[in-house]
Amino acid sequence: MYEKLGQHAIDMAEALKVILEKKGYEFYLKSPTNQQFVIVENSQLERLDHAGIVYGFWEKYDTDHTVIRFATSWSTTRKDLEALEQRL
């Protein structure tokens, strides 16, 4: 069961990568896990917050950019990803 649920999270993360690439996000690294890390301009963070997008702070990249983390889980659905894509 653990592997089955874990595989779903990985599959959703792969779909998330496609969305992030399509939206022009630069990857800090392309993780093979359920976590994806992108570099955003600091000025974009407020826009993401106002759009209701949940992300995790990872680290400062430089003075003008931050690395943020998106994560998928056993409960992430295609509908969740479609909603995220619309808000990005």
PDB file of N, CA and C in Angstrom:
ATOM      1  N   MET A   1       0.828  -1.190   0.000  1.00  0.00           N
ATOM      2  CA  MET A   1       0.000   0.000   0.000  1.00  0.00           C
ATOM      3  C   MET A   1       0.876   1.259   0.000  1.00  0.00           C
ATOM      4  N   TYR A   2       1.944   1.230   0.783  1.00  0.00           N
ATOM      5  CA  TYR A   2       2.836   2.389   0.852  1.00  0.00           C
ATOM      6  C   TYR A   2       3.392   2.733  -0.530  1.00  0.00           C
ATOM      7  N   GLU A   3       3.871   1.719  -1.243  1.00  0.00           N
ATOM      8  CA  GLU A   3       4.439   1.961  -2.565  1.00  0.00           C
ATOM      9  C   GLU A   3       3.388   2.441  -3.549  1.00  0.00           C
ATOM     10  N   LYS A   4       2.189   1.893  -3.456  1.00  0.00           N
ATOM     11  CA  LYS A   4       1.106   2.309  -4.357  1.00  0.00           C
ATOM     12  C   LYS A   4       0.753   3.777  -4.127  1.00  0.00           C
ATOM     13  N   LEU A   5       0.591   4.163  -2.878  1.00  0.00           N
ATOM     14  CA  LEU A   5       0.266   5.551  -2.570  1.00  0.00           C
ATOM     15  C   LEU A   5       1.430   6.474  -2.933  1.00  0.00           C
ATOM     16  N   GLY A   6       2.634   6.014  -2.688  1.00  0.00           N
ATOM     17  CA  GLY A   6       3.815   6.806  -3.037  1.00  0.00           C
ATOM     18  C   GLY A   6       3.933   7.012  -4.540  1.00  0.00           C
ATOM     19  N   GLN A   7       3.614   5.983  -5.306  1.00  0.00           N
ATOM     20  CA  GLN A   7       3.698   6.102  -6.766  1.00  0.00           C
ATOM     21  C   GLN A   7       2.711   7.142  -7.285  1.00  0.00           C
ATOM     22  N   HIS A   8       1.547   7.206  -6.685  1.00  0.00           N
ATOM     23  CA  HIS A   8       0.566   8.216  -7.097  1.00  0.00           C
ATOM     24  C   HIS A   8       1.141   9.620  -6.888  1.00  0.00           C
ATOM     25  N   ALA A   9       1.773   9.855  -5.756  1.00  0.00           N
ATOM     26  CA  ALA A   9       2.356  11.168  -5.476  1.00  0.00           C
ATOM     27  C   ALA A   9       3.439  11.504  -6.497  1.00  0.00           C
ATOM     28  N   ILE A  10       4.242  10.511  -6.871  1.00  0.00           N
ATOM     29  CA  ILE A  10       5.295  10.714  -7.874  1.00  0.00           C
ATOM     30  C   ILE A  10       4.667  11.026  -9.233  1.00  0.00           C
ATOM     31  N   ASP A  11       3.631  10.290  -9.598  1.00  0.00           N
ATOM     32  CA  ASP A  11       2.946  10.540 -10.877  1.00  0.00           C
ATOM     33  C   ASP A  11       2.381  11.957 -10.927  1.00  0.00           C
ATOM     34  N   MET A  12       1.811  12.405  -9.825  1.00  0.00           N
ATOM     35  CA  MET A  12       1.259  13.762  -9.776  1.00  0.00           C
ATOM     36  C   MET A  12       2.385  14.797  -9.851  1.00  0.00           C
ATOM     37  N   ALA A  13       3.528  14.499  -9.244  1.00  0.00           N
ATOM     38  CA  ALA A  13       4.676  15.417  -9.311  1.00  0.00           C
ATOM     39  C   ALA A  13       5.204  15.526 -10.736  1.00  0.00           C
ATOM     40  N   GLU A  14       5.173  14.425 -11.467  1.00  0.00           N
ATOM     41  CA  GLU A  14       5.598  14.469 -12.874  1.00  0.00           C
ATOM     42  C   GLU A  14       4.648  15.356 -13.687  1.00  0.00           C
ATOM     43  N   ALA A  15       3.357  15.251 -13.425  1.00  0.00           N
ATOM     44  CA  ALA A  15       2.379  16.116 -14.096  1.00  0.00           C
ATOM     45  C   ALA A  15       2.588  17.571 -13.668  1.00  0.00           C
ATOM     46  N   LEU A  16       2.932  17.789 -12.414  1.00  0.00           N
ATOM     47  CA  LEU A  16       3.214  19.128 -11.916  1.00  0.00           C
ATOM     48  C   LEU A  16       4.419  19.729 -12.635  1.00  0.00           C
ATOM     49  N   LYS A  17       5.449  18.934 -12.875  1.00  0.00           N
ATOM     50  CA  LYS A  17       6.626  19.412 -13.607  1.00  0.00           C
ATOM     51  C   LYS A  17       6.228  19.951 -14.976  1.00  0.00           C
ATOM     52  N   VAL A  18       5.356  19.244 -15.655  1.00  0.00           N
ATOM     53  CA  VAL A  18       4.913  19.668 -16.988  1.00  0.00           C
ATOM     54  C   VAL A  18       4.219  21.027 -16.898  1.00  0.00           C
ATOM     55  N   ILE A  19       3.360  21.182 -15.911  1.00  0.00           N
ATOM     56  CA  ILE A  19       2.648  22.451 -15.722  1.00  0.00           C
ATOM     57  C   ILE A  19       3.633  23.578 -15.442  1.00  0.00           C
ATOM     58  N   LEU A  20       4.566  23.349 -14.529  1.00  0.00           N
ATOM     59  CA  LEU A  20       5.533  24.386 -14.180  1.00  0.00           C
ATOM     60  C   LEU A  20       6.397  24.762 -15.380  1.00  0.00           C
ATOM     61  N   GLU A  21       6.807  23.776 -16.155  1.00  0.00           N
ATOM     62  CA  GLU A  21       7.593  24.069 -17.364  1.00  0.00           C
ATOM     63  C   GLU A  21       6.775  24.883 -18.353  1.00  0.00           C
ATOM     64  N   LYS A  22       5.523  24.479 -18.552  1.00  0.00           N
ATOM     65  CA  LYS A  22       4.648  25.185 -19.490  1.00  0.00           C
ATOM     66  C   LYS A  22       4.446  26.639 -19.060  1.00  0.00           C
ATOM     67  N   LYS A  23       4.401  26.872 -17.768  1.00  0.00           N
ATOM     68  CA  LYS A  23       4.203  28.230 -17.258  1.00  0.00           C
ATOM     69  C   LYS A  23       5.502  29.037 -17.203  1.00  0.00           C
ATOM     70  N   GLY A  24       6.615  28.409 -17.589  1.00  0.00           N
ATOM     71  CA  GLY A  24       7.879  29.134 -17.676  1.00  0.00           C
ATOM     72  C   GLY A  24       8.685  29.217 -16.397  1.00  0.00           C
ATOM     73  N   TYR A  25       8.385  28.395 -15.414  1.00  0.00           N
ATOM     74  CA  TYR A  25       9.139  28.414 -14.169  1.00  0.00           C
ATOM     75  C   TYR A  25      10.497  27.776 -14.368  1.00  0.00           C
ATOM     76  N   GLU A  26      11.513  28.337 -13.725  1.00  0.00           N
ATOM     77  CA  GLU A  26      12.868  27.791 -13.762  1.00  0.00           C
ATOM     78  C   GLU A  26      13.037  26.848 -12.574  1.00  0.00           C
ATOM     79  N   PHE A  27      13.508  25.652 -12.845  1.00  0.00           N
ATOM     80  CA  PHE A  27      13.698  24.669 -11.783  1.00  0.00           C
ATOM     81  C   PHE A  27      15.042  24.886 -11.096  1.00  0.00           C
ATOM     82  N   TYR A  28      15.020  24.835  -9.782  1.00  0.00           N
ATOM     83  CA  TYR A  28      16.251  24.821  -8.991  1.00  0.00           C
ATOM     84  C   TYR A  28      16.904  23.468  -9.179  1.00  0.00           C
ATOM     85  N   LEU A  29      16.078  22.443  -9.144  1.00  0.00           N
ATOM     86  CA  LEU A  29      16.469  21.086  -9.488  1.00  0.00           C
ATOM     87  C   LEU A  29      15.193  20.343  -9.829  1.00  0.00           C
ATOM     88  N   LYS A  30      15.318  19.369 -10.709  1.00  0.00           N
ATOM     89  CA  LYS A  30      14.158  18.557 -11.069  1.00  0.00           C
ATOM     90  C   LYS A  30      14.227  17.279 -10.240  1.00  0.00           C
ATOM     91  N   SER A  31      13.476  17.268  -9.215  1.00  0.00           N
ATOM     92  CA  SER A  31      13.506  16.167  -8.270  1.00  0.00           C
ATOM     93  C   SER A  31      12.717  14.967  -8.786  1.00  0.00           C
ATOM     94  N   PRO A  32      13.221  13.762  -8.548  1.00  0.00           N
ATOM     95  CA  PRO A  32      12.473  12.556  -8.919  1.00  0.00           C
ATOM     96  C   PRO A  32      11.447  12.174  -7.850  1.00  0.00           C
ATOM     97  N   THR A  33      11.299  13.037  -6.851  1.00  0.00           N
ATOM     98  CA  THR A  33      10.381  12.752  -5.742  1.00  0.00           C
ATOM     99  C   THR A  33       9.069  13.518  -5.930  1.00  0.00           C
ATOM    100  N   ASN A  34       8.259  13.526  -4.901  1.00  0.00           N
ATOM    101  CA  ASN A  34       6.996  14.256  -4.947  1.00  0.00           C
ATOM    102  C   ASN A  34       7.184  15.749  -4.667  1.00  0.00           C
ATOM    103  N   GLN A  35       8.408  16.197  -4.517  1.00  0.00           N
ATOM    104  CA  GLN A  35       8.699  17.601  -4.250  1.00  0.00           C
ATOM    105  C   GLN A  35       9.379  18.230  -5.463  1.00  0.00           C
ATOM    106  N   GLN A  36       8.911  19.410  -5.854  1.00  0.00           N
ATOM    107  CA  GLN A  36       9.493  20.121  -6.985  1.00  0.00           C
ATOM    108  C   GLN A  36       9.911  21.512  -6.522  1.00  0.00           C
ATOM    109  N   PHE A  37      11.098  21.915  -6.931  1.00  0.00           N
ATOM    110  CA  PHE A  37      11.697  23.158  -6.466  1.00  0.00           C
ATOM    111  C   PHE A  37      11.892  24.113  -7.638  1.00  0.00           C
ATOM    112  N   VAL A  38      11.331  25.312  -7.518  1.00  0.00           N
ATOM    113  CA  VAL A  38      11.454  26.309  -8.580  1.00  0.00           C
ATOM    114  C   VAL A  38      11.985  27.619  -8.015  1.00  0.00           C
ATOM    115  N   ILE A  39      12.610  28.373  -8.897  1.00  0.00           N
ATOM    116  CA  ILE A  39      13.153  29.684  -8.547  1.00  0.00           C
ATOM    117  C   ILE A  39      12.166  30.734  -9.019  1.00  0.00           C
ATOM    118  N   VAL A  40      11.774  31.610  -8.109  1.00  0.00           N
ATOM    119  CA  VAL A  40      10.847  32.686  -8.478  1.00  0.00           C
ATOM    120  C   VAL A  40      11.421  34.028  -8.033  1.00  0.00           C
ATOM    121  N   GLU A  41      11.033  35.041  -8.760  1.00  0.00           N
ATOM    122  CA  GLU A  41      11.399  36.391  -8.335  1.00  0.00           C
ATOM    123  C   GLU A  41      10.654  36.691  -7.043  1.00  0.00           C
ATOM    124  N   ASN A  42      11.311  37.391  -6.156  1.00  0.00           N
ATOM    125  CA  ASN A  42      10.674  37.727  -4.885  1.00  0.00           C
ATOM    126  C   ASN A  42       9.356  38.465  -5.088  1.00  0.00           C
ATOM    127  N   SER A  43       9.288  39.264  -6.131  1.00  0.00           N
ATOM    128  CA  SER A  43       8.062  40.013  -6.405  1.00  0.00           C
ATOM    129  C   SER A  43       6.902  39.096  -6.772  1.00  0.00           C
ATOM    130  N   GLN A  44       7.179  37.872  -7.233  1.00  0.00           N
ATOM    131  CA  GLN A  44       6.127  36.919  -7.580  1.00  0.00           C
ATOM    132  C   GLN A  44       5.496  36.265  -6.347  1.00  0.00           C
ATOM    133  N   LEU A  45       6.207  36.250  -5.249  1.00  0.00           N
ATOM    134  CA  LEU A  45       5.711  35.558  -4.059  1.00  0.00           C
ATOM    135  C   LEU A  45       4.373  36.124  -3.587  1.00  0.00           C
ATOM    136  N   GLU A  46       4.259  37.426  -3.590  1.00  0.00           N
ATOM    137  CA  GLU A  46       3.007  38.052  -3.159  1.00  0.00           C
ATOM    138  C   GLU A  46       1.860  37.670  -4.097  1.00  0.00           C
ATOM    139  N   ARG A  47       2.134  37.613  -5.386  1.00  0.00           N
ATOM    140  CA  ARG A  47       1.100  37.218  -6.349  1.00  0.00           C
ATOM    141  C   ARG A  47       0.662  35.780  -6.105  1.00  0.00           C
ATOM    142  N   LEU A  48       1.595  34.896  -5.832  1.00  0.00           N
ATOM    143  CA  LEU A  48       1.250  33.511  -5.531  1.00  0.00           C
ATOM    144  C   LEU A  48       0.402  33.430  -4.263  1.00  0.00           C
ATOM    145  N   ASP A  49       0.788  34.213  -3.258  1.00  0.00           N
ATOM    146  CA  ASP A  49       0.028  34.230  -2.003  1.00  0.00           C
ATOM    147  C   ASP A  49      -1.405  34.707  -2.241  1.00  0.00           C
ATOM    148  N   HIS A  50      -1.551  35.787  -3.001  1.00  0.00           N
ATOM    149  CA  HIS A  50      -2.886  36.333  -3.272  1.00  0.00           C
ATOM    150  C   HIS A  50      -3.733  35.376  -4.109  1.00  0.00           C
ATOM    151  N   ALA A  51      -3.085  34.538  -4.908  1.00  0.00           N
ATOM    152  CA  ALA A  51      -3.818  33.569  -5.724  1.00  0.00           C
ATOM    153  C   ALA A  51      -4.200  32.328  -4.912  1.00  0.00           C
ATOM    154  N   GLY A  52      -3.806  32.302  -3.641  1.00  0.00           N
ATOM    155  CA  GLY A  52      -4.149  31.169  -2.787  1.00  0.00           C
ATOM    156  C   GLY A  52      -3.323  29.929  -3.059  1.00  0.00           C
ATOM    157  N   ILE A  53      -2.147  30.115  -3.610  1.00  0.00           N
ATOM    158  CA  ILE A  53      -1.277  28.985  -3.935  1.00  0.00           C
ATOM    159  C   ILE A  53      -0.425  28.650  -2.719  1.00  0.00           C
ATOM    160  N   VAL A  54      -0.463  27.388  -2.338  1.00  0.00           N
ATOM    161  CA  VAL A  54       0.302  26.938  -1.183  1.00  0.00           C
ATOM    162  C   VAL A  54       1.631  26.367  -1.668  1.00  0.00           C
ATOM    163  N   TYR A  55       2.695  26.886  -1.108  1.00  0.00           N
ATOM    164  CA  TYR A  55       4.045  26.446  -1.436  1.00  0.00           C
ATOM    165  C   TYR A  55       4.876  26.539  -0.174  1.00  0.00           C
ATOM    166  N   GLY A  56       6.029  25.932  -0.194  1.00  0.00           N
ATOM    167  CA  GLY A  56       6.934  26.019   0.943  1.00  0.00           C
ATOM    168  C   GLY A  56       8.168  26.821   0.587  1.00  0.00           C
ATOM    169  N   PHE A  57       8.618  27.645   1.510  1.00  0.00           N
ATOM    170  CA  PHE A  57       9.886  28.360   1.342  1.00  0.00           C
ATOM    171  C   PHE A  57      11.003  27.329   1.458  1.00  0.00           C
ATOM    172  N   TRP A  58      11.944  27.361   0.523  1.00  0.00           N
ATOM    173  CA  TRP A  58      13.072  26.440   0.614  1.00  0.00           C
ATOM    174  C   TRP A  58      14.338  27.197   1.018  1.00  0.00           C
ATOM    175  N   GLU A  59      14.704  28.201   0.211  1.00  0.00           N
ATOM    176  CA  GLU A  59      15.874  29.009   0.547  1.00  0.00           C
ATOM    177  C   GLU A  59      15.928  30.229  -0.357  1.00  0.00           C
ATOM    178  N   LYS A  60      16.685  31.225   0.092  1.00  0.00           N
ATOM    179  CA  LYS A  60      16.949  32.372  -0.755  1.00  0.00           C
ATOM    180  C   LYS A  60      17.927  31.932  -1.832  1.00  0.00           C
ATOM    181  N   TYR A  61      17.644  32.294  -3.072  1.00  0.00           N
ATOM    182  CA  TYR A  61      18.523  31.951  -4.184  1.00  0.00           C
ATOM    183  C   TYR A  61      19.580  33.039  -4.357  1.00  0.00           C
ATOM    184  N   ASP A  62      19.110  34.276  -4.356  1.00  0.00           N
ATOM    185  CA  ASP A  62      19.973  35.452  -4.369  1.00  0.00           C
ATOM    186  C   ASP A  62      19.133  36.596  -3.818  1.00  0.00           C
ATOM    187  N   THR A  63      19.592  37.825  -3.965  1.00  0.00           N
ATOM    188  CA  THR A  63      18.858  38.934  -3.359  1.00  0.00           C
ATOM    189  C   THR A  63      17.489  39.168  -3.986  1.00  0.00           C
ATOM    190  N   ASP A  64      17.300  38.728  -5.236  1.00  0.00           N
ATOM    191  CA  ASP A  64      16.047  38.992  -5.940  1.00  0.00           C
ATOM    192  C   ASP A  64      15.183  37.762  -6.173  1.00  0.00           C
ATOM    193  N   HIS A  65      15.669  36.579  -5.791  1.00  0.00           N
ATOM    194  CA  HIS A  65      14.963  35.333  -6.083  1.00  0.00           C
ATOM    195  C   HIS A  65      14.920  34.412  -4.863  1.00  0.00           C
ATOM    196  N   THR A  66      13.893  33.584  -4.842  1.00  0.00           N
ATOM    197  CA  THR A  66      13.698  32.609  -3.773  1.00  0.00           C
ATOM    198  C   THR A  66      13.388  31.259  -4.391  1.00  0.00           C
ATOM    199  N   VAL A  67      13.877  30.208  -3.757  1.00  0.00           N
ATOM    200  CA  VAL A  67      13.528  28.852  -4.166  1.00  0.00           C
ATOM    201  C   VAL A  67      12.321  28.435  -3.327  1.00  0.00           C
ATOM    202  N   ILE A  68      11.264  28.005  -4.026  1.00  0.00           N
ATOM    203  CA  ILE A  68      10.073  27.522  -3.325  1.00  0.00           C
ATOM    204  C   ILE A  68       9.831  26.060  -3.698  1.00  0.00           C
ATOM    205  N   ARG A  69       9.069  25.393  -2.835  1.00  0.00           N
ATOM    206  CA  ARG A  69       8.821  23.966  -3.011  1.00  0.00           C
ATOM    207  C   ARG A  69       7.333  23.714  -3.161  1.00  0.00           C
ATOM    208  N   PHE A  70       6.998  22.947  -4.176  1.00  0.00           N
ATOM    209  CA  PHE A  70       5.655  22.418  -4.337  1.00  0.00           C
ATOM    210  C   PHE A  70       5.728  20.929  -4.035  1.00  0.00           C
ATOM    211  N   ALA A  71       4.725  20.399  -3.380  1.00  0.00           N
ATOM    212  CA  ALA A  71       4.723  18.972  -3.054  1.00  0.00           C
ATOM    213  C   ALA A  71       3.366  18.363  -3.389  1.00  0.00           C
ATOM    214  N   THR A  72       3.415  17.140  -3.854  1.00  0.00           N
ATOM    215  CA  THR A  72       2.200  16.370  -4.100  1.00  0.00           C
ATOM    216  C   THR A  72       2.134  15.252  -3.059  1.00  0.00           C
ATOM    217  N   SER A  73       0.967  14.635  -2.951  1.00  0.00           N
ATOM    218  CA  SER A  73       0.801  13.567  -1.963  1.00  0.00           C
ATOM    219  C   SER A  73      -0.132  12.495  -2.504  1.00  0.00           C
ATOM    220  N   TRP A  74      -0.426  11.548  -1.662  1.00  0.00           N
ATOM    221  CA  TRP A  74      -1.352  10.472  -2.026  1.00  0.00           C
ATOM    222  C   TRP A  74      -2.726  11.026  -2.369  1.00  0.00           C
ATOM    223  N   SER A  75      -3.048  12.213  -1.852  1.00  0.00           N
ATOM    224  CA  SER A  75      -4.392  12.761  -2.056  1.00  0.00           C
ATOM    225  C   SER A  75      -4.472  13.788  -3.183  1.00  0.00           C
ATOM    226  N   THR A  76      -3.356  14.106  -3.823  1.00  0.00           N
ATOM    227  CA  THR A  76      -3.362  15.066  -4.926  1.00  0.00           C
ATOM    228  C   THR A  76      -4.104  14.467  -6.120  1.00  0.00           C
ATOM    229  N   THR A  77      -4.982  15.275  -6.704  1.00  0.00           N
ATOM    230  CA  THR A  77      -5.756  14.808  -7.861  1.00  0.00           C
ATOM    231  C   THR A  77      -5.391  15.625  -9.098  1.00  0.00           C
ATOM    232  N   ARG A  78      -5.771  15.118 -10.241  1.00  0.00           N
ATOM    233  CA  ARG A  78      -5.588  15.882 -11.492  1.00  0.00           C
ATOM    234  C   ARG A  78      -6.351  17.194 -11.405  1.00  0.00           C
ATOM    235  N   LYS A  79      -7.505  17.144 -10.779  1.00  0.00           N
ATOM    236  CA  LYS A  79      -8.309  18.363 -10.607  1.00  0.00           C
ATOM    237  C   LYS A  79      -7.538  19.400  -9.784  1.00  0.00           C
ATOM    238  N   ASP A  80      -6.831  18.946  -8.751  1.00  0.00           N
ATOM    239  CA  ASP A  80      -5.996  19.859  -7.953  1.00  0.00           C
ATOM    240  C   ASP A  80      -4.941  20.521  -8.840  1.00  0.00           C
ATOM    241  N   LEU A  81      -4.302  19.729  -9.686  1.00  0.00           N
ATOM    242  CA  LEU A  81      -3.266  20.265 -10.563  1.00  0.00           C
ATOM    243  C   LEU A  81      -3.847  21.219 -11.602  1.00  0.00           C
ATOM    244  N   GLU A  82      -5.020  20.902 -12.108  1.00  0.00           N
ATOM    245  CA  GLU A  82      -5.674  21.794 -13.065  1.00  0.00           C
ATOM    246  C   GLU A  82      -6.003  23.134 -12.407  1.00  0.00           C
ATOM    247  N   ALA A  83      -6.461  23.083 -11.161  1.00  0.00           N
ATOM    248  CA  ALA A  83      -6.773  24.322 -10.439  1.00  0.00           C
ATOM    249  C   ALA A  83      -5.501  25.138 -10.216  1.00  0.00           C
ATOM    250  N   LEU A  84      -4.423  24.466  -9.862  1.00  0.00           N
ATOM    251  CA  LEU A  84      -3.143  25.160  -9.669  1.00  0.00           C
ATOM    252  C   LEU A  84      -2.699  25.805 -10.976  1.00  0.00           C
ATOM    253  N   GLU A  85      -2.804  25.064 -12.055  1.00  0.00           N
ATOM    254  CA  GLU A  85      -2.390  25.588 -13.353  1.00  0.00           C
ATOM    255  C   GLU A  85      -3.163  26.858 -13.693  1.00  0.00           C
ATOM    256  N   GLN A  86      -4.431  26.898 -13.398  1.00  0.00           N
ATOM    257  CA  GLN A  86      -5.240  28.074 -13.692  1.00  0.00           C
ATOM    258  C   GLN A  86      -4.792  29.281 -12.858  1.00  0.00           C
ATOM    259  N   ARG A  87      -4.335  29.035 -11.638  1.00  0.00           N
ATOM    260  CA  ARG A  87      -3.940  30.132 -10.748  1.00  0.00           C
ATOM    261  C   ARG A  87      -2.517  30.619 -10.977  1.00  0.00           C
ATOM    262  N   LEU A  88      -1.699  29.784 -11.584  1.00  0.00           N
ATOM    263  CA  LEU A  88      -0.285  30.176 -11.771  1.00  0.00           C
ATOM    264  C   LEU A  88      -0.139  31.273 -12.820  1.00  0.00           C
TER     265      LEU A  88
END
